[in-house]
Amino acid sequence: MNKVAPVIAFVAFMLVFALTRSPVRDFLESWVELEGVVLGPASLVSSGALAALVAGAILYATRLFE
């Protein structure tokens, strides 16, 4: 499991990143009222942060269960 965990974490990162791009963008646009040039990078960073949390949780959980 130790060698497979980074692959699973990477796949989870990519899936979460791809699936959260639109909802995060919509959230930032409506609730935070970002628009224009700031909205694109802000949604990119926010989606990346969410995906990194999920990937990190997967890696941490695999270390706990070794």
N, C-alpha and C. Protein backbone atom coordinates (compact mmCIF):
# COMPACT_ATOMS: atom_id res chain seq x y z
N MET A 1 0.82 -1.20 0.00
CA MET A 1 0.00 0.00 0.00
C MET A 1 0.86 1.25 0.00
N ASN A 2 2.07 1.15 0.52
CA ASN A 2 2.95 2.30 0.62
C ASN A 2 3.32 2.87 -0.75
N LYS A 3 3.45 2.01 -1.75
CA LYS A 3 3.83 2.48 -3.09
C LYS A 3 2.62 2.93 -3.90
N VAL A 4 1.45 2.49 -3.55
CA VAL A 4 0.24 2.82 -4.29
C VAL A 4 -0.40 4.12 -3.77
N ALA A 5 -0.14 4.46 -2.52
CA ALA A 5 -0.77 5.62 -1.90
C ALA A 5 -0.52 6.93 -2.64
N PRO A 6 0.72 7.22 -3.08
CA PRO A 6 0.91 8.47 -3.82
C PRO A 6 0.14 8.52 -5.14
N VAL A 7 -0.01 7.39 -5.78
CA VAL A 7 -0.77 7.35 -7.04
C VAL A 7 -2.24 7.62 -6.77
N ILE A 8 -2.77 6.99 -5.72
CA ILE A 8 -4.17 7.22 -5.35
C ILE A 8 -4.38 8.67 -4.94
N ALA A 9 -3.43 9.24 -4.20
CA ALA A 9 -3.54 10.63 -3.77
C ALA A 9 -3.49 11.58 -4.98
N PHE A 10 -2.66 11.27 -5.96
CA PHE A 10 -2.57 12.12 -7.15
C PHE A 10 -3.87 12.06 -7.95
N VAL A 11 -4.41 10.87 -8.12
CA VAL A 11 -5.67 10.72 -8.86
C VAL A 11 -6.79 11.45 -8.12
N ALA A 12 -6.81 11.32 -6.80
CA ALA A 12 -7.83 12.03 -6.01
C ALA A 12 -7.65 13.54 -6.13
N PHE A 13 -6.40 14.00 -6.12
CA PHE A 13 -6.13 15.43 -6.29
C PHE A 13 -6.70 15.93 -7.62
N MET A 14 -6.42 15.21 -8.69
CA MET A 14 -6.88 15.64 -10.01
C MET A 14 -8.41 15.61 -10.10
N LEU A 15 -9.03 14.58 -9.54
CA LEU A 15 -10.49 14.50 -9.58
C LEU A 15 -11.15 15.62 -8.78
N VAL A 16 -10.66 15.84 -7.57
CA VAL A 16 -11.24 16.89 -6.73
C VAL A 16 -11.01 18.26 -7.36
N PHE A 17 -9.82 18.47 -7.91
CA PHE A 17 -9.53 19.75 -8.56
C PHE A 17 -10.47 19.99 -9.72
N ALA A 18 -10.66 18.98 -10.56
CA ALA A 18 -11.53 19.13 -11.73
C ALA A 18 -13.00 19.31 -11.34
N LEU A 19 -13.42 18.58 -10.32
CA LEU A 19 -14.83 18.64 -9.92
C LEU A 19 -15.19 19.90 -9.14
N THR A 20 -14.21 20.53 -8.49
CA THR A 20 -14.53 21.71 -7.68
C THR A 20 -14.29 23.03 -8.39
N ARG A 21 -13.78 23.02 -9.61
CA ARG A 21 -13.49 24.28 -10.30
C ARG A 21 -14.74 25.14 -10.48
N SER A 22 -15.78 24.58 -11.05
CA SER A 22 -17.00 25.36 -11.29
C SER A 22 -17.73 25.75 -10.01
N PRO A 23 -17.94 24.82 -9.06
CA PRO A 23 -18.62 25.24 -7.83
C PRO A 23 -17.85 26.30 -7.04
N VAL A 24 -16.53 26.19 -7.00
CA VAL A 24 -15.73 27.19 -6.28
C VAL A 24 -15.82 28.54 -6.99
N ARG A 25 -15.77 28.50 -8.31
CA ARG A 25 -15.87 29.75 -9.08
C ARG A 25 -17.22 30.42 -8.85
N ASP A 26 -18.29 29.61 -8.87
CA ASP A 26 -19.63 30.15 -8.62
C ASP A 26 -19.75 30.71 -7.21
N PHE A 27 -19.18 29.99 -6.24
CA PHE A 27 -19.22 30.45 -4.86
C PHE A 27 -18.48 31.78 -4.70
N LEU A 28 -17.29 31.87 -5.26
CA LEU A 28 -16.52 33.11 -5.14
C LEU A 28 -17.20 34.26 -5.87
N GLU A 29 -17.87 33.95 -6.96
CA GLU A 29 -18.54 34.98 -7.73
C GLU A 29 -19.78 35.52 -7.01
N SER A 30 -20.51 34.64 -6.34
CA SER A 30 -21.76 35.08 -5.72
C SER A 30 -21.59 35.53 -4.27
N TRP A 31 -20.90 34.75 -3.46
CA TRP A 31 -20.81 35.05 -2.04
C TRP A 31 -19.72 36.05 -1.70
N VAL A 32 -18.57 35.91 -2.34
CA VAL A 32 -17.45 36.80 -2.03
C VAL A 32 -17.46 38.01 -2.96
N GLU A 33 -18.24 37.92 -4.01
CA GLU A 33 -18.40 38.98 -5.00
C GLU A 33 -17.09 39.35 -5.68
N LEU A 34 -16.32 38.34 -6.04
CA LEU A 34 -15.12 38.57 -6.85
C LEU A 34 -15.52 38.58 -8.32
N GLU A 35 -14.81 39.33 -9.12
CA GLU A 35 -15.10 39.36 -10.55
C GLU A 35 -13.86 39.80 -11.31
N GLY A 36 -13.88 39.59 -12.59
CA GLY A 36 -12.80 40.05 -13.46
C GLY A 36 -11.54 39.22 -13.32
N VAL A 37 -10.42 39.92 -13.30
CA VAL A 37 -9.10 39.28 -13.31
C VAL A 37 -8.84 38.52 -12.02
N VAL A 38 -9.40 38.94 -10.92
CA VAL A 38 -9.14 38.31 -9.62
C VAL A 38 -9.86 36.97 -9.49
N LEU A 39 -11.00 36.81 -10.14
CA LEU A 39 -11.81 35.61 -9.98
C LEU A 39 -11.10 34.35 -10.48
N GLY A 40 -10.44 34.41 -11.60
CA GLY A 40 -9.77 33.24 -12.17
C GLY A 40 -8.69 32.68 -11.26
N PRO A 41 -7.69 33.48 -10.88
CA PRO A 41 -6.65 32.96 -9.99
C PRO A 41 -7.17 32.56 -8.61
N ALA A 42 -8.16 33.29 -8.10
CA ALA A 42 -8.71 32.95 -6.78
C ALA A 42 -9.40 31.59 -6.81
N SER A 43 -10.15 31.30 -7.85
CA SER A 43 -10.82 30.00 -7.94
C SER A 43 -9.81 28.89 -8.20
N LEU A 44 -8.76 29.17 -8.94
CA LEU A 44 -7.70 28.19 -9.18
C LEU A 44 -7.00 27.83 -7.87
N VAL A 45 -6.64 28.82 -7.09
CA VAL A 45 -5.96 28.58 -5.81
C VAL A 45 -6.88 27.87 -4.83
N SER A 46 -8.14 28.27 -4.78
CA SER A 46 -9.09 27.64 -3.86
C SER A 46 -9.33 26.17 -4.22
N SER A 47 -9.49 25.88 -5.50
CA SER A 47 -9.68 24.49 -5.92
C SER A 47 -8.43 23.67 -5.65
N GLY A 48 -7.28 24.25 -5.88
CA GLY A 48 -6.02 23.56 -5.59
C GLY A 48 -5.87 23.28 -4.10
N ALA A 49 -6.28 24.21 -3.27
CA ALA A 49 -6.18 24.01 -1.83
C ALA A 49 -7.12 22.90 -1.36
N LEU A 50 -8.34 22.87 -1.88
CA LEU A 50 -9.26 21.80 -1.52
C LEU A 50 -8.74 20.44 -1.97
N ALA A 51 -8.21 20.39 -3.17
CA ALA A 51 -7.66 19.14 -3.69
C ALA A 51 -6.44 18.70 -2.89
N ALA A 52 -5.61 19.66 -2.48
CA ALA A 52 -4.44 19.32 -1.67
C ALA A 52 -4.84 18.78 -0.31
N LEU A 53 -5.90 19.33 0.28
CA LEU A 53 -6.39 18.80 1.55
C LEU A 53 -6.83 17.35 1.43
N VAL A 54 -7.53 17.03 0.36
CA VAL A 54 -8.01 15.66 0.15
C VAL A 54 -6.82 14.72 -0.08
N ALA A 55 -5.88 15.13 -0.92
CA ALA A 55 -4.71 14.29 -1.19
C ALA A 55 -3.88 14.10 0.08
N GLY A 56 -3.71 15.15 0.85
CA GLY A 56 -2.97 15.05 2.09
C GLY A 56 -3.66 14.13 3.09
N ALA A 57 -4.97 14.20 3.15
CA ALA A 57 -5.72 13.32 4.06
C ALA A 57 -5.56 11.86 3.65
N ILE A 58 -5.54 11.59 2.36
CA ILE A 58 -5.34 10.22 1.89
C ILE A 58 -3.95 9.74 2.28
N LEU A 59 -2.92 10.55 2.06
CA LEU A 59 -1.56 10.16 2.41
C LEU A 59 -1.41 9.97 3.92
N TYR A 60 -2.03 10.84 4.69
CA TYR A 60 -1.96 10.73 6.14
C TYR A 60 -2.66 9.46 6.63
N ALA A 61 -3.82 9.17 6.06
CA ALA A 61 -4.55 7.97 6.46
C ALA A 61 -3.78 6.70 6.13
N THR A 62 -3.11 6.68 4.99
CA THR A 62 -2.33 5.48 4.64
C THR A 62 -1.15 5.30 5.59
N ARG A 63 -0.58 6.39 6.08
CA ARG A 63 0.50 6.27 7.06
C ARG A 63 -0.01 5.76 8.40
N LEU A 64 -1.21 6.16 8.77
CA LEU A 64 -1.78 5.71 10.04
C LEU A 64 -2.06 4.21 10.03
N PHE A 65 -2.45 3.67 8.88
CA PHE A 65 -2.84 2.28 8.79
C PHE A 65 -1.72 1.35 8.35
N GLU A 66 -0.49 1.84 8.32
CA GLU A 66 0.64 0.97 7.94
C GLU A 66 0.97 0.01 9.05
